[in-house]
Protein backbone atom coordinates (compact mmCIF):
# COMPACT_ATOMS: atom_id res chain seq x y z
CA MET A 1 -69.31 60.81 -15.64
CA GLU A 2 -66.77 61.36 -12.88
CA TYR A 3 -63.07 62.01 -13.46
CA ARG A 4 -60.01 61.28 -11.36
CA GLN A 5 -56.40 62.34 -11.56
CA LEU A 6 -54.04 59.86 -13.21
CA GLY A 7 -51.24 59.46 -10.70
CA HIS A 8 -49.15 62.57 -10.17
CA THR A 9 -49.94 63.86 -13.68
CA ASP A 10 -52.29 66.65 -14.72
CA ASP A 11 -54.41 64.19 -16.71
CA ARG A 12 -57.93 63.48 -15.50
CA VAL A 13 -59.45 60.22 -16.67
CA SER A 14 -63.01 58.96 -16.49
CA THR A 15 -63.79 56.76 -13.49
CA ILE A 16 -65.01 54.23 -16.04
CA CYS A 17 -62.48 53.10 -18.64
CA LEU A 18 -63.51 51.21 -21.77
CA GLY A 19 -61.90 47.78 -21.93
CA THR A 20 -61.34 46.22 -25.33
CA MET A 21 -60.03 42.67 -25.01
CA THR A 22 -63.01 41.03 -26.77
CA TRP A 23 -62.64 43.11 -29.93
CA GLY A 24 -61.46 40.96 -32.79
CA GLU A 25 -62.61 37.73 -31.13
CA GLN A 26 -66.16 38.14 -29.83
CA ASN A 27 -66.75 41.59 -31.34
CA THR A 28 -66.44 42.78 -34.92
CA GLU A 29 -64.78 46.02 -35.98
CA ALA A 30 -68.17 47.69 -36.46
CA GLU A 31 -69.25 46.62 -32.97
CA ALA A 32 -66.02 47.93 -31.49
CA HIS A 33 -66.58 51.30 -33.16
CA ALA A 34 -70.15 51.43 -31.89
CA GLN A 35 -68.95 50.75 -28.34
CA LEU A 36 -66.35 53.49 -28.62
CA ASP A 37 -68.92 55.98 -29.92
CA LEU A 38 -71.35 55.21 -27.10
CA ALA A 39 -68.69 55.35 -24.41
CA LEU A 40 -67.49 58.75 -25.57
CA GLU A 41 -71.06 60.04 -25.71
CA ARG A 42 -71.37 59.03 -22.05
CA GLY A 43 -68.22 60.90 -21.03
CA VAL A 44 -65.62 58.13 -21.12
CA ASN A 45 -62.24 59.51 -22.17
CA PHE A 46 -60.07 56.52 -21.23
CA ILE A 47 -59.53 53.46 -23.48
CA ASP A 48 -57.42 50.46 -22.51
CA ALA A 49 -55.89 47.93 -24.91
CA ALA A 50 -52.85 45.63 -25.22
CA GLU A 51 -50.63 44.37 -28.01
CA MET A 52 -51.70 40.81 -27.10
CA TYR A 53 -55.47 41.45 -27.46
CA PRO A 54 -57.93 40.02 -28.23
CA VAL A 55 -58.22 37.32 -25.59
CA PRO A 56 -57.81 34.39 -25.74
CA PRO A 57 -54.48 35.13 -27.42
CA LYS A 58 -53.92 33.55 -30.84
CA ALA A 59 -51.41 34.16 -33.60
CA GLU A 60 -54.11 34.88 -36.17
CA THR A 61 -55.84 37.57 -34.07
CA GLN A 62 -52.96 39.15 -32.12
CA GLY A 63 -53.03 42.93 -32.52
CA ARG A 64 -56.51 43.03 -34.03
CA THR A 65 -57.95 44.96 -31.07
CA GLU A 66 -55.48 47.80 -31.51
CA SER A 67 -56.19 47.82 -35.24
CA TYR A 68 -59.91 48.30 -34.59
CA ILE A 69 -59.13 51.25 -32.31
CA GLY A 70 -56.80 52.64 -34.94
CA SER A 71 -59.39 52.55 -37.72
CA TRP A 72 -61.79 54.38 -35.38
CA LEU A 73 -59.18 56.98 -34.37
CA ALA A 74 -58.34 57.63 -38.03
CA ARG A 75 -61.85 59.06 -38.54
CA ARG A 76 -61.61 61.49 -35.63
CA SER A 77 -59.93 64.80 -34.86
CA ASP A 78 -60.10 64.67 -31.07
CA ARG A 79 -57.13 62.40 -30.30
CA ASP A 80 -55.81 64.94 -27.77
CA LYS A 81 -59.02 64.63 -25.74
CA LEU A 82 -58.52 60.89 -25.19
CA THR A 83 -56.30 58.96 -22.82
CA LEU A 84 -55.22 55.91 -24.77
CA ALA A 85 -53.53 53.08 -22.91
CA THR A 86 -51.95 49.89 -24.19
CA LYS A 87 -49.51 47.28 -22.92
CA VAL A 88 -46.35 45.43 -23.87
CA SER A 89 -46.39 41.71 -23.11
CA GLY A 90 -44.05 40.44 -20.41
CA ASN A 91 -41.70 37.47 -20.72
CA SER A 92 -43.50 34.40 -21.99
CA THR A 93 -42.76 31.06 -23.63
CA GLY A 94 -46.36 30.60 -24.71
CA LEU A 95 -46.68 33.52 -27.13
CA GLU A 96 -44.00 32.69 -29.71
CA TRP A 97 -45.88 34.57 -32.43
CA VAL A 98 -45.21 37.81 -30.52
CA ARG A 99 -41.65 38.76 -31.45
CA GLY A 100 -40.59 35.12 -31.27
CA GLY A 101 -41.50 35.04 -27.59
CA PRO A 102 -41.92 38.38 -25.80
CA ARG A 103 -39.14 39.65 -23.56
CA LEU A 104 -38.89 42.88 -21.58
CA ASN A 105 -35.64 44.11 -23.01
CA ALA A 106 -34.93 47.43 -24.71
CA LYS A 107 -35.05 46.03 -28.26
CA GLN A 108 -38.34 44.21 -27.81
CA ILE A 109 -40.07 47.03 -25.94
CA ARG A 110 -39.26 49.37 -28.84
CA GLU A 111 -40.46 46.80 -31.37
CA ALA A 112 -43.68 46.33 -29.44
CA LEU A 113 -44.38 50.05 -29.23
CA ASP A 114 -43.61 50.56 -32.94
CA ALA A 115 -46.15 47.88 -33.85
CA SER A 116 -48.77 49.19 -31.43
CA LEU A 117 -48.47 52.76 -32.70
CA ALA A 118 -48.82 51.56 -36.29
CA ARG A 119 -51.95 49.56 -35.49
CA LEU A 120 -53.43 52.37 -33.38
CA GLN A 121 -52.66 54.92 -36.11
CA THR A 122 -51.30 57.41 -33.62
CA ASP A 123 -47.93 58.99 -32.86
CA TYR A 124 -48.02 58.42 -29.12
CA VAL A 125 -49.63 56.43 -26.33
CA ASP A 126 -50.78 58.25 -23.21
CA LEU A 127 -50.19 55.31 -20.86
CA TYR A 128 -47.83 52.46 -21.73
CA GLN A 129 -48.04 49.54 -19.34
CA ILE A 130 -46.03 46.42 -18.61
CA HIS A 131 -48.66 43.71 -19.01
CA TRP A 132 -47.07 41.32 -16.49
CA PRO A 133 -43.71 41.03 -14.72
CA ALA A 134 -40.69 39.34 -16.27
CA ARG A 135 -40.03 37.26 -13.17
CA ALA A 136 -41.52 34.51 -11.06
CA ALA A 137 -44.24 36.15 -8.98
CA ASN A 138 -47.76 35.53 -7.77
CA PHE A 139 -50.02 36.98 -10.45
CA PHE A 140 -52.80 35.69 -12.75
CA GLY A 141 -54.53 34.05 -9.81
CA LYS A 142 -51.47 32.56 -8.13
CA LEU A 143 -51.38 33.21 -4.39
CA GLY A 144 -48.27 31.46 -3.13
CA TYR A 145 -44.89 32.98 -3.93
CA GLU A 146 -42.22 30.67 -5.36
CA SER A 147 -38.91 32.15 -6.49
CA GLY A 148 -37.81 30.78 -9.83
CA ASP A 149 -35.12 33.25 -10.89
CA GLY A 150 -32.36 32.61 -8.37
CA GLY A 151 -32.73 35.82 -6.38
CA ASP A 152 -33.58 39.50 -6.65
CA ASP A 153 -30.57 40.88 -8.53
CA GLY A 154 -31.67 39.63 -11.93
CA ALA A 155 -35.25 40.74 -11.39
CA VAL A 156 -34.12 44.24 -10.41
CA ALA A 157 -31.88 44.43 -13.49
CA VAL A 158 -34.84 43.65 -15.77
CA ILE A 159 -36.99 46.31 -14.10
CA GLU A 160 -34.13 48.80 -14.41
CA GLU A 161 -33.67 48.11 -18.14
CA THR A 162 -37.43 48.31 -18.64
CA LEU A 163 -37.72 51.63 -16.82
CA GLU A 164 -34.71 53.15 -18.57
CA THR A 165 -36.14 52.14 -21.95
CA LEU A 166 -39.53 53.62 -21.12
CA ALA A 167 -37.83 56.81 -19.93
CA ARG A 168 -36.17 57.23 -23.32
CA LEU A 169 -39.50 56.67 -25.05
CA VAL A 170 -41.04 59.37 -22.85
CA GLU A 171 -38.21 61.73 -23.82
CA GLU A 172 -38.89 60.95 -27.48
CA GLY A 173 -42.56 61.85 -27.02
CA ARG A 174 -43.81 58.40 -28.02
CA ILE A 175 -45.35 57.64 -24.66
CA ARG A 176 -46.51 60.12 -22.03
CA HIS A 177 -46.82 58.05 -18.86
CA ILE A 178 -45.95 54.55 -17.68
CA GLY A 179 -47.87 51.98 -15.69
CA VAL A 180 -47.63 48.40 -14.51
CA SER A 181 -50.10 45.53 -14.58
CA ASN A 182 -50.45 42.27 -12.68
CA GLU A 183 -47.75 43.62 -10.40
CA THR A 184 -46.91 42.90 -6.77
CA PRO A 185 -45.99 45.28 -3.93
CA TRP A 186 -42.32 44.33 -4.30
CA GLY A 187 -42.37 45.12 -8.01
CA VAL A 188 -44.08 48.47 -7.53
CA MET A 189 -41.54 49.32 -4.84
CA GLN A 190 -38.65 48.60 -7.21
CA TYR A 191 -40.09 50.78 -9.98
CA LEU A 192 -40.59 53.66 -7.53
CA ARG A 193 -37.18 53.22 -5.91
CA LEU A 194 -35.33 53.19 -9.23
CA ALA A 195 -37.31 56.18 -10.49
CA GLU A 196 -36.38 58.21 -7.42
CA ARG A 197 -32.75 57.11 -7.39
CA GLN A 198 -32.10 57.69 -11.10
CA GLY A 199 -34.50 60.51 -11.88
CA LEU A 200 -36.64 58.34 -14.16
CA PRO A 201 -40.40 58.57 -14.78
CA ARG A 202 -42.61 57.31 -11.98
CA VAL A 203 -45.26 54.67 -12.40
CA VAL A 204 -48.68 56.38 -12.39
CA SER A 205 -51.02 53.38 -12.20
CA ILE A 206 -51.35 49.71 -11.33
CA GLN A 207 -53.71 47.67 -13.51
CA ASN A 208 -54.62 44.63 -11.45
CA PRO A 209 -57.73 42.49 -10.95
CA TYR A 210 -60.20 43.85 -8.43
CA SER A 211 -63.81 42.88 -7.78
CA LEU A 212 -66.15 41.57 -5.10
CA LEU A 213 -64.58 38.17 -5.80
CA ASN A 214 -60.98 39.37 -5.59
CA ARG A 215 -60.02 42.14 -3.19
CA THR A 216 -56.41 41.05 -2.75
CA PHE A 217 -55.29 44.49 -4.02
CA GLU A 218 -56.34 45.84 -0.63
CA ILE A 219 -53.78 43.73 1.23
CA GLY A 220 -50.55 45.31 0.04
CA LEU A 221 -51.08 47.48 -3.02
CA ALA A 222 -53.88 49.78 -1.86
CA GLU A 223 -51.47 51.62 0.45
CA PHE A 224 -49.06 52.14 -2.46
CA ALA A 225 -51.96 53.44 -4.56
CA HIS A 226 -52.88 55.92 -1.82
CA ARG A 227 -49.49 57.09 -0.55
CA GLU A 228 -47.52 56.97 -3.81
CA ARG A 229 -50.35 58.10 -6.12
CA THR A 230 -50.23 54.93 -8.18
CA GLY A 231 -53.97 54.37 -8.41
CA LEU A 232 -55.69 51.15 -9.33
CA LEU A 233 -56.97 50.51 -12.83
CA ALA A 234 -59.31 47.67 -11.93
CA TYR A 235 -59.68 44.90 -14.47
CA SER A 236 -62.24 42.08 -14.41
CA PRO A 237 -64.52 44.06 -12.05
CA LEU A 238 -67.34 41.63 -12.92
CA GLY A 239 -65.18 38.51 -12.69
CA PHE A 240 -65.64 37.59 -16.37
CA GLY A 241 -69.35 38.27 -16.03
CA VAL A 242 -69.87 36.01 -13.01
CA LEU A 243 -70.92 39.01 -10.88
CA SER A 244 -73.56 40.05 -13.43
CA GLY A 245 -75.86 37.38 -12.02
CA LYS A 246 -76.29 35.60 -15.34
CA TYR A 247 -74.78 32.38 -13.95
CA ALA A 248 -76.93 32.46 -10.80
CA GLY A 249 -78.45 29.19 -9.67
CA GLY A 250 -76.20 27.09 -11.87
CA ASN A 251 -77.39 28.74 -15.08
CA TRP A 252 -74.80 28.54 -17.87
CA PRO A 253 -75.81 30.76 -20.80
CA GLU A 254 -74.54 29.99 -24.27
CA ASN A 255 -72.04 32.28 -26.04
CA THR A 256 -70.71 33.75 -22.81
CA ARG A 257 -66.97 33.92 -22.21
CA LEU A 258 -66.96 31.10 -19.70
CA SER A 259 -69.04 28.92 -22.01
CA LEU A 260 -66.93 29.67 -25.07
CA TYR A 261 -63.53 29.49 -23.39
CA PRO A 262 -63.34 26.87 -20.60
CA ARG A 263 -59.66 27.76 -20.08
CA PHE A 264 -60.78 30.83 -18.10
CA SER A 265 -61.61 28.93 -14.93
CA ARG A 266 -60.36 31.61 -12.54
CA TYR A 267 -63.88 32.76 -11.68
CA SER A 268 -65.97 29.68 -12.47
CA GLY A 269 -65.24 27.37 -9.55
CA ASP A 270 -67.91 26.36 -7.07
CA ILE A 271 -66.83 28.78 -4.35
CA PRO A 272 -66.66 31.89 -6.61
CA MET A 273 -70.03 30.97 -8.11
CA GLN A 274 -71.57 30.55 -4.66
CA ALA A 275 -70.19 33.90 -3.55
CA ALA A 276 -71.49 35.53 -6.74
CA ASP A 277 -74.94 34.08 -6.04
CA GLU A 278 -74.88 35.70 -2.60
CA TYR A 279 -73.92 39.06 -4.05
CA ALA A 280 -76.63 38.77 -6.71
CA ARG A 281 -79.29 38.03 -4.08
CA LEU A 282 -78.10 41.00 -2.05
CA ALA A 283 -78.33 43.30 -5.06
CA ARG A 284 -81.78 42.17 -6.10
CA GLY A 285 -83.02 42.38 -2.52
CA HIS A 286 -82.18 46.08 -2.60
CA GLY A 287 -83.60 46.69 -6.07
CA LEU A 288 -80.19 46.82 -7.71
CA SER A 289 -78.78 45.17 -10.79
CA PRO A 290 -76.09 42.67 -9.67
CA ALA A 291 -73.70 44.02 -12.29
CA GLN A 292 -74.27 47.62 -11.30
CA MET A 293 -73.86 46.86 -7.59
CA ALA A 294 -70.57 45.09 -8.27
CA LEU A 295 -69.28 47.93 -10.45
CA ALA A 296 -70.54 50.64 -8.09
CA PHE A 297 -68.58 48.99 -5.27
CA VAL A 298 -65.38 49.19 -7.33
CA ASN A 299 -66.17 52.77 -8.39
CA SER A 300 -66.46 53.76 -4.73
CA ARG A 301 -63.00 52.65 -3.66
CA PRO A 302 -60.74 55.56 -2.63
CA PHE A 303 -57.65 53.91 -4.14
CA LEU A 304 -59.29 53.52 -7.56
CA THR A 305 -58.30 55.67 -10.52
CA SER A 306 -60.49 53.95 -13.11
CA ASN A 307 -62.71 50.88 -13.44
CA ILE A 308 -62.12 49.00 -16.70
CA ILE A 309 -65.42 47.67 -18.01
CA GLY A 310 -65.83 45.39 -20.99
CA ALA A 311 -68.93 44.27 -22.86
CA THR A 312 -69.85 42.16 -25.84
CA THR A 313 -73.27 43.76 -26.39
CA MET A 314 -74.47 47.34 -26.39
CA GLN A 315 -77.05 46.45 -23.75
CA GLN A 316 -74.29 45.24 -21.42
CA LEU A 317 -72.27 48.36 -22.11
CA GLU A 318 -75.23 50.62 -21.32
CA GLU A 319 -75.85 48.81 -18.03
CA ASN A 320 -72.19 48.98 -17.07
CA LEU A 321 -71.91 52.68 -17.91
CA ASP A 322 -75.00 53.40 -15.82
CA SER A 323 -73.15 52.10 -12.75
CA ILE A 324 -71.50 55.51 -12.43
CA ASP A 325 -74.84 56.84 -11.17
CA VAL A 326 -75.31 54.11 -8.54
CA GLN A 327 -74.42 55.01 -4.95
CA LEU A 328 -74.42 52.14 -2.47
CA ASP A 329 -75.88 52.95 0.92
CA ASP A 330 -74.39 51.89 4.25
CA GLU A 331 -76.73 48.93 4.58
CA VAL A 332 -75.60 47.45 1.26
CA LEU A 333 -71.94 48.14 1.97
CA GLU A 334 -72.22 46.48 5.37
CA ALA A 335 -73.86 43.44 3.80
CA ILE A 336 -71.10 43.27 1.18
CA GLU A 337 -68.52 43.22 3.97
CA GLY A 338 -70.45 40.42 5.64
CA ILE A 339 -70.30 38.24 2.52
CA HIS A 340 -66.63 39.10 2.06
CA ALA A 341 -65.87 38.05 5.64
CA ARG A 342 -67.53 34.67 5.03
CA ARG A 343 -66.06 34.13 1.57
CA PRO A 344 -62.88 36.23 1.32
CA ASN A 345 -61.33 36.50 -2.14
CA PRO A 346 -62.73 33.28 -3.65
CA ALA A 347 -61.28 34.10 -7.08
CA PRO A 348 -57.84 35.75 -6.63
């Protein structure tokens, strides 16, 4: 396993992070524990969760993922060796079972953290992240920007209240570091500006989508990641499994996420599938697993802190973990750039 520095902190996290959003929906508690055990055996020290998980979000399962991690942590004595990350949900009118509709205000952030810590059976979280912004912005696959909040003043005020609340939680020892997710360059800039101006904690990471099908992070956020030491935590590096090659040639396996949950159409359109087929042919032509080539590409990015992999089977997890040992040669990287030039960001 390789390790990289988490932002400006002294923490070093594994280049592969264990994602957990299927636990409690597609994976049982025993399966979640088995995945955790295997990941740690392979050198992973970074685990990512969210109060909203598992996905798809439902009232009857919300928080179950954190509870599975908590029951696993309760059996161990090495909590201080792990970097445990979770997230507070941003403003939403579609998750009424989460605090009556989640909002990023001081009261709700504290309530969210209290509940997460109880489920995780721990006294602190190493990295507490804002799951998505509390403003109109282009995230979750939206490319065009449309202002819906009447201007920047209100958006800045929410970020300021959020950051001040997180700062107090850091002072109380309940969280160690803060991060953002599904964030834009403007949002990251505001967090950094307010931190510098008011002496508040700096954001140490940006958890955004990044894969061969979605390299939009490179356009504006990669420079922030490099110059401000706010490295990428890449989610969906396999595009919900599309880049594993299992959908190649129009194949549609049963019991996969895209088969079970048609709502997740971000990666399943004709153009993303065609691009994925090209990447799969490239991988196989060079004797590589399509999944491992896709993950190895993400692992190789200089602005990456950690690559968040998820799996529903132990076989998938093994294959994904093995990507850390795959080094892509110049010929493969050049061919990847050729496909990207022809089909840029088909699944943003």
